[in-house]
N, C-alpha and C. Protein backbone atom coordinates (compact mmCIF):
# COMPACT_ATOMS: atom_id res chain seq x y z
N MET A 1 85.38 45.42 -85.32
CA MET A 1 84.67 45.60 -84.24
C MET A 1 84.41 47.11 -83.90
N ALA A 2 83.42 47.41 -83.49
CA ALA A 2 83.05 48.81 -83.03
C ALA A 2 83.86 49.19 -81.79
N GLU A 3 84.11 50.49 -81.59
CA GLU A 3 84.60 50.52 -80.20
C GLU A 3 84.09 51.67 -79.54
N LEU A 4 84.18 51.75 -78.03
CA LEU A 4 83.68 52.69 -77.45
C LEU A 4 84.80 53.86 -77.11
N ARG A 5 84.45 54.96 -76.73
CA ARG A 5 85.37 56.04 -76.24
C ARG A 5 84.92 55.97 -74.97
N CYS A 6 85.86 56.07 -74.05
CA CYS A 6 85.59 56.06 -72.41
C CYS A 6 86.44 57.48 -71.85
N ILE A 7 85.62 58.15 -71.29
CA ILE A 7 86.07 59.43 -70.65
C ILE A 7 85.81 59.28 -68.99
N VAL A 8 86.88 59.43 -68.19
CA VAL A 8 86.56 59.42 -66.74
C VAL A 8 87.09 60.87 -66.17
N VAL A 9 86.22 61.47 -65.52
CA VAL A 9 86.77 62.66 -64.91
C VAL A 9 86.06 62.81 -63.53
N THR A 10 86.98 63.63 -62.76
CA THR A 10 86.53 63.91 -61.31
C THR A 10 86.72 65.58 -61.39
N PRO A 11 86.25 66.02 -60.39
CA PRO A 11 86.18 67.68 -60.43
C PRO A 11 87.69 68.18 -60.52
N GLU A 12 88.53 67.33 -60.10
CA GLU A 12 90.01 67.88 -60.20
C GLU A 12 90.79 67.63 -61.59
N ARG A 13 90.43 66.32 -62.12
CA ARG A 13 91.19 66.04 -63.20
C ARG A 13 90.61 65.20 -64.20
N LYS A 14 91.15 65.01 -65.42
CA LYS A 14 90.56 63.98 -66.23
C LYS A 14 91.51 62.74 -65.91
N VAL A 15 90.93 61.55 -65.75
CA VAL A 15 91.48 60.45 -65.37
C VAL A 15 91.91 59.55 -66.44
N LEU A 16 91.09 59.52 -67.43
CA LEU A 16 91.19 58.57 -68.51
C LEU A 16 90.34 59.20 -69.77
N GLU A 17 90.98 59.11 -71.04
CA GLU A 17 90.15 59.29 -72.19
C GLU A 17 90.91 58.51 -73.14
N ASP A 18 90.27 57.38 -73.55
CA ASP A 18 90.76 56.26 -74.41
C ASP A 18 89.65 55.55 -75.08
N THR A 19 89.99 54.56 -76.02
CA THR A 19 89.05 53.71 -76.61
C THR A 19 88.90 52.43 -75.66
N ALA A 20 87.70 51.64 -75.80
CA ALA A 20 87.48 50.48 -75.00
C ALA A 20 86.56 49.45 -75.88
N ASP A 21 86.79 48.30 -75.71
CA ASP A 21 85.72 47.32 -76.15
C ASP A 21 84.60 47.24 -75.40
N ALA A 22 84.78 47.48 -74.05
CA ALA A 22 83.60 47.32 -73.06
C ALA A 22 84.09 48.11 -71.76
N VAL A 23 82.93 48.47 -71.25
CA VAL A 23 83.11 49.41 -69.81
C VAL A 23 82.06 48.66 -68.90
N VAL A 24 82.58 48.46 -67.76
CA VAL A 24 81.63 48.16 -66.61
C VAL A 24 81.69 49.04 -65.47
N VAL A 25 80.36 49.59 -65.08
CA VAL A 25 80.48 50.59 -64.04
C VAL A 25 79.62 50.20 -62.82
N PRO A 26 79.92 50.56 -61.70
CA PRO A 26 79.23 50.14 -60.48
C PRO A 26 78.06 51.14 -60.29
N LEU A 27 76.77 50.53 -60.13
CA LEU A 27 75.67 51.13 -59.89
C LEU A 27 75.31 51.03 -58.21
N PRO A 28 74.48 51.91 -57.81
CA PRO A 28 74.10 51.58 -56.32
C PRO A 28 73.50 50.16 -56.02
N ASP A 29 73.00 49.35 -57.10
CA ASP A 29 72.30 48.26 -56.97
C ASP A 29 72.98 47.01 -57.72
N GLY A 30 74.33 47.30 -58.18
CA GLY A 30 74.78 46.12 -59.09
C GLY A 30 75.94 46.75 -60.09
N GLU A 31 75.94 46.12 -61.22
CA GLU A 31 76.79 46.68 -62.05
C GLU A 31 76.25 46.81 -63.60
N LEU A 32 76.90 47.53 -64.32
CA LEU A 32 76.15 47.78 -65.91
C LEU A 32 77.33 47.63 -66.64
N GLY A 33 77.31 46.77 -67.69
CA GLY A 33 78.21 46.43 -68.67
C GLY A 33 77.72 47.05 -69.84
N ILE A 34 78.70 47.86 -70.34
CA ILE A 34 78.34 48.87 -71.76
C ILE A 34 79.25 48.26 -72.80
N TYR A 35 78.60 48.01 -74.01
CA TYR A 35 79.31 47.64 -75.22
C TYR A 35 78.98 48.40 -76.32
N PRO A 36 79.60 48.44 -77.27
CA PRO A 36 79.59 49.37 -78.50
C PRO A 36 77.94 49.20 -78.88
N ARG A 37 77.34 50.32 -79.42
CA ARG A 37 76.07 50.58 -79.96
C ARG A 37 75.08 50.21 -78.75
N HIS A 38 75.50 50.62 -77.47
CA HIS A 38 74.64 50.48 -76.31
C HIS A 38 73.54 51.58 -76.40
N ALA A 39 72.49 51.32 -75.96
CA ALA A 39 71.31 52.51 -75.98
C ALA A 39 71.72 53.55 -74.87
N PRO A 40 71.44 54.86 -75.47
CA PRO A 40 71.69 55.97 -74.62
C PRO A 40 71.15 55.87 -73.36
N LEU A 41 71.85 56.39 -72.30
CA LEU A 41 71.26 56.25 -70.96
C LEU A 41 72.21 57.07 -70.04
N ILE A 42 71.62 57.67 -68.90
CA ILE A 42 72.38 58.32 -67.81
C ILE A 42 71.91 57.48 -66.61
N ALA A 43 72.88 57.19 -65.79
CA ALA A 43 72.65 56.57 -64.60
C ALA A 43 73.51 57.05 -63.41
N ARG A 44 72.80 56.84 -62.19
CA ARG A 44 73.74 57.24 -61.12
C ARG A 44 74.70 56.06 -60.55
N LEU A 45 75.96 56.52 -60.31
CA LEU A 45 77.03 55.55 -59.85
C LEU A 45 76.97 55.25 -58.62
N GLY A 46 77.47 54.18 -58.12
CA GLY A 46 77.75 53.59 -56.61
C GLY A 46 79.14 53.72 -56.46
N ALA A 47 79.55 53.19 -55.32
CA ALA A 47 80.92 52.99 -55.11
C ALA A 47 81.35 51.55 -55.51
N GLY A 48 82.64 51.50 -56.11
CA GLY A 48 83.14 50.32 -56.62
C GLY A 48 83.97 50.21 -57.75
N GLU A 49 84.12 49.11 -58.45
CA GLU A 49 85.22 48.90 -59.51
C GLU A 49 84.69 49.33 -60.78
N LEU A 50 85.40 50.23 -61.54
CA LEU A 50 85.23 50.50 -62.97
C LEU A 50 86.07 49.72 -63.58
N ARG A 51 85.74 48.93 -64.57
CA ARG A 51 86.63 48.27 -65.57
C ARG A 51 86.42 48.76 -67.06
N VAL A 52 87.73 48.81 -67.37
CA VAL A 52 87.71 49.15 -68.91
C VAL A 52 88.49 48.26 -69.66
N ARG A 53 87.83 47.60 -70.59
CA ARG A 53 88.59 46.46 -71.23
C ARG A 53 88.99 46.97 -72.60
N GLN A 54 90.14 46.64 -73.03
CA GLN A 54 90.83 46.87 -74.29
C GLN A 54 91.48 45.74 -74.66
N GLU A 55 90.95 45.00 -75.45
CA GLU A 55 91.27 43.65 -76.15
C GLU A 55 91.55 42.78 -74.77
N GLU A 56 92.61 42.36 -74.57
CA GLU A 56 92.88 41.42 -73.45
C GLU A 56 93.29 41.96 -72.20
N LYS A 57 93.60 43.39 -72.38
CA LYS A 57 93.74 44.10 -71.25
C LYS A 57 92.54 44.80 -70.44
N VAL A 58 92.67 44.57 -68.99
CA VAL A 58 91.55 45.36 -68.35
C VAL A 58 92.15 46.22 -67.34
N ARG A 59 91.74 47.52 -67.43
CA ARG A 59 92.25 48.62 -66.43
C ARG A 59 91.08 48.94 -65.37
N ARG A 60 91.51 48.86 -64.08
CA ARG A 60 90.65 48.84 -63.03
C ARG A 60 90.84 50.10 -62.33
N PHE A 61 89.64 50.68 -61.92
CA PHE A 61 89.76 51.94 -61.01
C PHE A 61 88.59 51.64 -59.84
N TYR A 62 88.90 52.37 -58.73
CA TYR A 62 87.93 52.41 -57.74
C TYR A 62 87.23 53.76 -57.90
N ILE A 63 85.95 53.76 -57.97
CA ILE A 63 85.22 55.12 -58.12
C ILE A 63 84.28 55.19 -56.95
N GLU A 64 83.66 56.46 -56.85
CA GLU A 64 82.87 56.64 -55.60
C GLU A 64 81.84 57.68 -56.04
N GLY A 65 80.77 57.22 -56.49
CA GLY A 65 79.63 58.11 -56.80
C GLY A 65 79.71 58.88 -57.98
N GLY A 66 78.76 59.75 -58.35
CA GLY A 66 78.70 60.48 -59.72
C GLY A 66 77.63 59.83 -60.63
N PHE A 67 77.97 59.90 -61.81
CA PHE A 67 76.92 59.52 -62.82
C PHE A 67 77.77 59.10 -64.05
N VAL A 68 77.03 58.24 -65.00
CA VAL A 68 77.58 57.95 -66.10
C VAL A 68 76.49 58.24 -67.23
N GLU A 69 77.10 58.70 -68.37
CA GLU A 69 76.37 58.93 -69.47
C GLU A 69 76.79 57.94 -70.81
N VAL A 70 75.87 57.41 -71.36
CA VAL A 70 76.38 56.68 -72.68
C VAL A 70 75.46 57.32 -73.79
N LEU A 71 76.16 57.64 -75.02
CA LEU A 71 75.61 58.26 -75.99
C LEU A 71 76.61 58.23 -77.12
N ASN A 72 75.98 57.76 -78.21
CA ASN A 72 76.68 57.59 -79.52
C ASN A 72 78.12 56.95 -79.33
N ASP A 73 78.20 55.77 -78.52
CA ASP A 73 79.50 54.97 -78.18
C ASP A 73 80.57 55.78 -77.33
N VAL A 74 79.96 56.81 -76.75
CA VAL A 74 80.95 57.59 -75.94
C VAL A 74 80.32 57.22 -74.36
N VAL A 75 81.34 56.66 -73.61
CA VAL A 75 80.92 56.56 -72.18
C VAL A 75 81.62 57.51 -71.24
N SER A 76 80.74 58.47 -70.80
CA SER A 76 81.29 59.56 -70.02
C SER A 76 81.06 59.22 -68.49
N VAL A 77 82.07 59.20 -67.68
CA VAL A 77 81.91 58.82 -66.17
C VAL A 77 82.49 60.11 -65.46
N VAL A 78 81.55 60.62 -64.72
CA VAL A 78 81.76 61.80 -63.85
C VAL A 78 81.54 61.24 -62.53
N THR A 79 82.78 61.30 -61.77
CA THR A 79 82.84 60.68 -60.44
C THR A 79 83.39 61.72 -59.44
N THR A 80 83.11 61.61 -58.25
CA THR A 80 83.51 62.41 -57.10
C THR A 80 84.96 62.15 -56.65
N ARG A 81 85.41 60.93 -56.81
CA ARG A 81 86.54 60.30 -56.50
C ARG A 81 87.08 58.98 -57.14
N THR A 82 88.36 58.94 -57.68
CA THR A 82 88.74 57.72 -58.23
C THR A 82 90.32 57.43 -57.95
N PHE A 83 90.48 56.35 -57.95
CA PHE A 83 91.79 55.79 -57.82
C PHE A 83 92.18 54.62 -58.75
N THR A 84 93.27 54.81 -59.38
CA THR A 84 93.83 53.49 -60.23
C THR A 84 93.99 52.36 -59.30
N ALA A 85 94.12 51.11 -59.62
CA ALA A 85 94.29 50.06 -58.80
C ALA A 85 95.89 50.08 -58.25
N ARG A 86 96.66 50.55 -59.17
CA ARG A 86 98.01 50.89 -58.53
C ARG A 86 98.34 51.94 -57.54
N GLU A 87 97.33 52.93 -57.42
CA GLU A 87 97.29 53.89 -56.43
C GLU A 87 96.95 53.32 -54.94
N LEU A 88 96.24 52.25 -55.00
CA LEU A 88 95.72 51.74 -53.75
C LEU A 88 96.63 50.63 -53.09
N ALA A 89 96.79 50.90 -51.81
CA ALA A 89 97.73 50.08 -51.16
C ALA A 89 96.79 49.11 -50.11
N PRO A 90 96.83 47.66 -50.63
CA PRO A 90 95.92 46.76 -49.98
C PRO A 90 96.12 46.67 -48.43
N ASP A 91 97.42 46.73 -48.06
CA ASP A 91 97.60 46.73 -46.38
C ASP A 91 96.92 47.90 -45.83
N VAL A 92 97.11 48.92 -46.24
CA VAL A 92 96.61 50.27 -45.63
C VAL A 92 95.00 50.19 -45.62
N ILE A 93 94.38 49.61 -46.76
CA ILE A 93 93.09 49.66 -46.77
C ILE A 93 92.47 48.56 -45.79
N HIS A 94 93.08 47.42 -45.73
CA HIS A 94 92.80 46.35 -45.02
C HIS A 94 92.84 46.75 -43.47
N GLN A 95 93.70 47.64 -43.00
CA GLN A 95 93.91 47.99 -41.59
C GLN A 95 92.67 49.10 -41.52
N GLN A 96 92.36 49.87 -42.42
CA GLN A 96 91.32 50.87 -42.18
C GLN A 96 89.93 50.14 -42.17
N LEU A 97 89.73 48.94 -42.82
CA LEU A 97 88.64 48.18 -42.65
C LEU A 97 88.62 47.62 -41.44
N GLU A 98 89.61 47.03 -40.87
CA GLU A 98 89.61 46.45 -39.60
C GLU A 98 89.11 47.51 -38.48
N GLN A 99 89.68 48.75 -38.70
CA GLN A 99 89.34 49.73 -37.70
C GLN A 99 87.86 50.22 -37.70
N VAL A 100 87.24 50.02 -38.94
CA VAL A 100 85.99 50.45 -39.20
C VAL A 100 84.95 49.44 -38.66
N ILE A 101 85.44 48.24 -38.76
CA ILE A 101 84.71 47.09 -38.37
C ILE A 101 84.50 46.94 -36.75
N GLN A 102 85.67 47.38 -36.23
CA GLN A 102 85.64 47.34 -34.90
C GLN A 102 85.26 48.26 -34.08
N ALA A 103 85.05 49.52 -34.71
CA ALA A 103 84.34 50.72 -34.13
C ALA A 103 82.87 50.59 -33.74
N ARG A 104 82.76 51.09 -32.40
CA ARG A 104 81.36 51.06 -32.06
C ARG A 104 80.55 52.15 -32.71
N ALA A 105 79.31 51.69 -32.86
CA ALA A 105 78.22 52.89 -33.60
C ALA A 105 76.91 52.89 -32.83
N ALA A 106 76.50 53.95 -32.47
CA ALA A 106 75.29 53.90 -31.66
C ALA A 106 74.19 54.74 -32.49
N GLY A 107 73.02 54.05 -32.68
CA GLY A 107 72.11 54.60 -33.55
C GLY A 107 72.13 54.18 -34.86
N ASP A 108 70.68 54.27 -35.51
CA ASP A 108 70.74 53.85 -36.95
C ASP A 108 71.50 54.50 -37.86
N GLU A 109 71.74 55.79 -37.73
CA GLU A 109 72.47 56.63 -38.78
C GLU A 109 74.02 56.28 -38.64
N ALA A 110 74.40 56.30 -37.56
CA ALA A 110 75.91 55.84 -37.30
C ALA A 110 76.08 54.57 -37.66
N ILE A 111 75.44 53.59 -37.50
CA ILE A 111 75.52 52.18 -38.00
C ILE A 111 75.37 52.10 -39.65
N ALA A 112 74.63 52.67 -40.11
CA ALA A 112 74.40 52.91 -41.57
C ALA A 112 75.56 53.45 -42.16
N GLU A 113 76.16 54.47 -41.45
CA GLU A 113 77.51 55.04 -42.17
C GLU A 113 78.54 54.19 -41.97
N ARG A 114 78.72 53.63 -40.71
CA ARG A 114 79.54 52.60 -40.54
C ARG A 114 79.63 51.39 -41.65
N ASN A 115 78.46 50.84 -41.85
CA ASN A 115 78.35 49.91 -42.92
C ASN A 115 78.63 50.53 -44.14
N ALA A 116 78.33 51.61 -44.56
CA ALA A 116 78.50 52.25 -45.84
C ALA A 116 80.07 52.30 -46.11
N ARG A 117 80.76 52.92 -44.99
CA ARG A 117 82.12 53.12 -45.00
C ARG A 117 82.87 51.73 -45.33
N ALA A 118 82.40 50.75 -44.58
CA ALA A 118 83.06 49.28 -44.79
C ALA A 118 82.79 48.77 -46.19
N ALA A 119 81.63 49.08 -46.64
CA ALA A 119 81.36 48.62 -47.96
C ALA A 119 82.39 49.30 -49.07
N ARG A 120 82.54 50.48 -48.88
CA ARG A 120 83.47 51.36 -49.68
C ARG A 120 84.90 50.83 -49.51
N LEU A 121 85.34 50.43 -48.44
CA LEU A 121 86.73 50.06 -48.27
C LEU A 121 86.86 48.53 -48.72
N ARG A 122 85.82 47.64 -48.61
CA ARG A 122 85.74 46.43 -49.16
C ARG A 122 85.98 46.55 -50.76
N ALA A 123 85.25 47.33 -51.33
CA ALA A 123 85.27 47.63 -52.62
C ALA A 123 86.74 48.16 -53.33
N MET A 124 87.25 48.93 -52.54
CA MET A 124 88.62 49.52 -52.70
C MET A 124 89.61 48.41 -52.61
N LEU A 125 89.57 47.60 -51.68
CA LEU A 125 90.47 46.29 -51.48
C LEU A 125 90.18 45.37 -52.50
N ARG A 126 89.02 45.08 -53.13
CA ARG A 126 88.92 44.21 -54.30
C ARG A 126 89.75 44.73 -55.46
N VAL A 127 89.65 46.13 -55.54
CA VAL A 127 90.28 46.54 -56.76
C VAL A 127 91.77 46.63 -56.61
N ALA A 128 92.14 46.96 -55.41
CA ALA A 128 93.65 47.09 -55.16
C ALA A 128 94.46 45.52 -55.27
N ARG A 129 93.64 44.43 -54.91
CA ARG A 129 94.04 43.11 -54.96
C ARG A 129 94.09 42.46 -56.41
N ARG A 130 93.24 42.92 -57.15
CA ARG A 130 93.06 42.54 -58.61
C ARG A 130 94.24 43.30 -59.43
N GLY A 131 94.46 44.32 -59.09
CA GLY A 131 95.54 45.22 -59.73
C GLY A 131 95.06 45.52 -61.14
N GLU A 132 95.99 46.09 -61.72
CA GLU A 132 95.76 46.90 -63.06
C GLU A 132 96.31 46.00 -64.13
């Protein structure tokens, strides 16, 4: 079976460079599954779970923004922020989410920002609870 090469980087560090059977990235409006021999593409990333499948093992990361490029079975993920599932503390994230939900927001921009922050925290919590 053909394999992908997956590279995940942030401005500060290379997070991952490994082979994979499949990669699933979060987009602003859903998810994109990438398998060997995928058509070339460049897409903007959303905040959410990045999954890298290697046979029966699935590595999970929370990523926030950036872009993905697929070319010649190489998946390059450039993101502004990433955490492995192991680096996330569900209790802390849950507490932060509760604070965001309870916070008052006045005006459309403040409400939109609060909702976006809550969505990011919910995505982080899902990754943290699923584990690596």
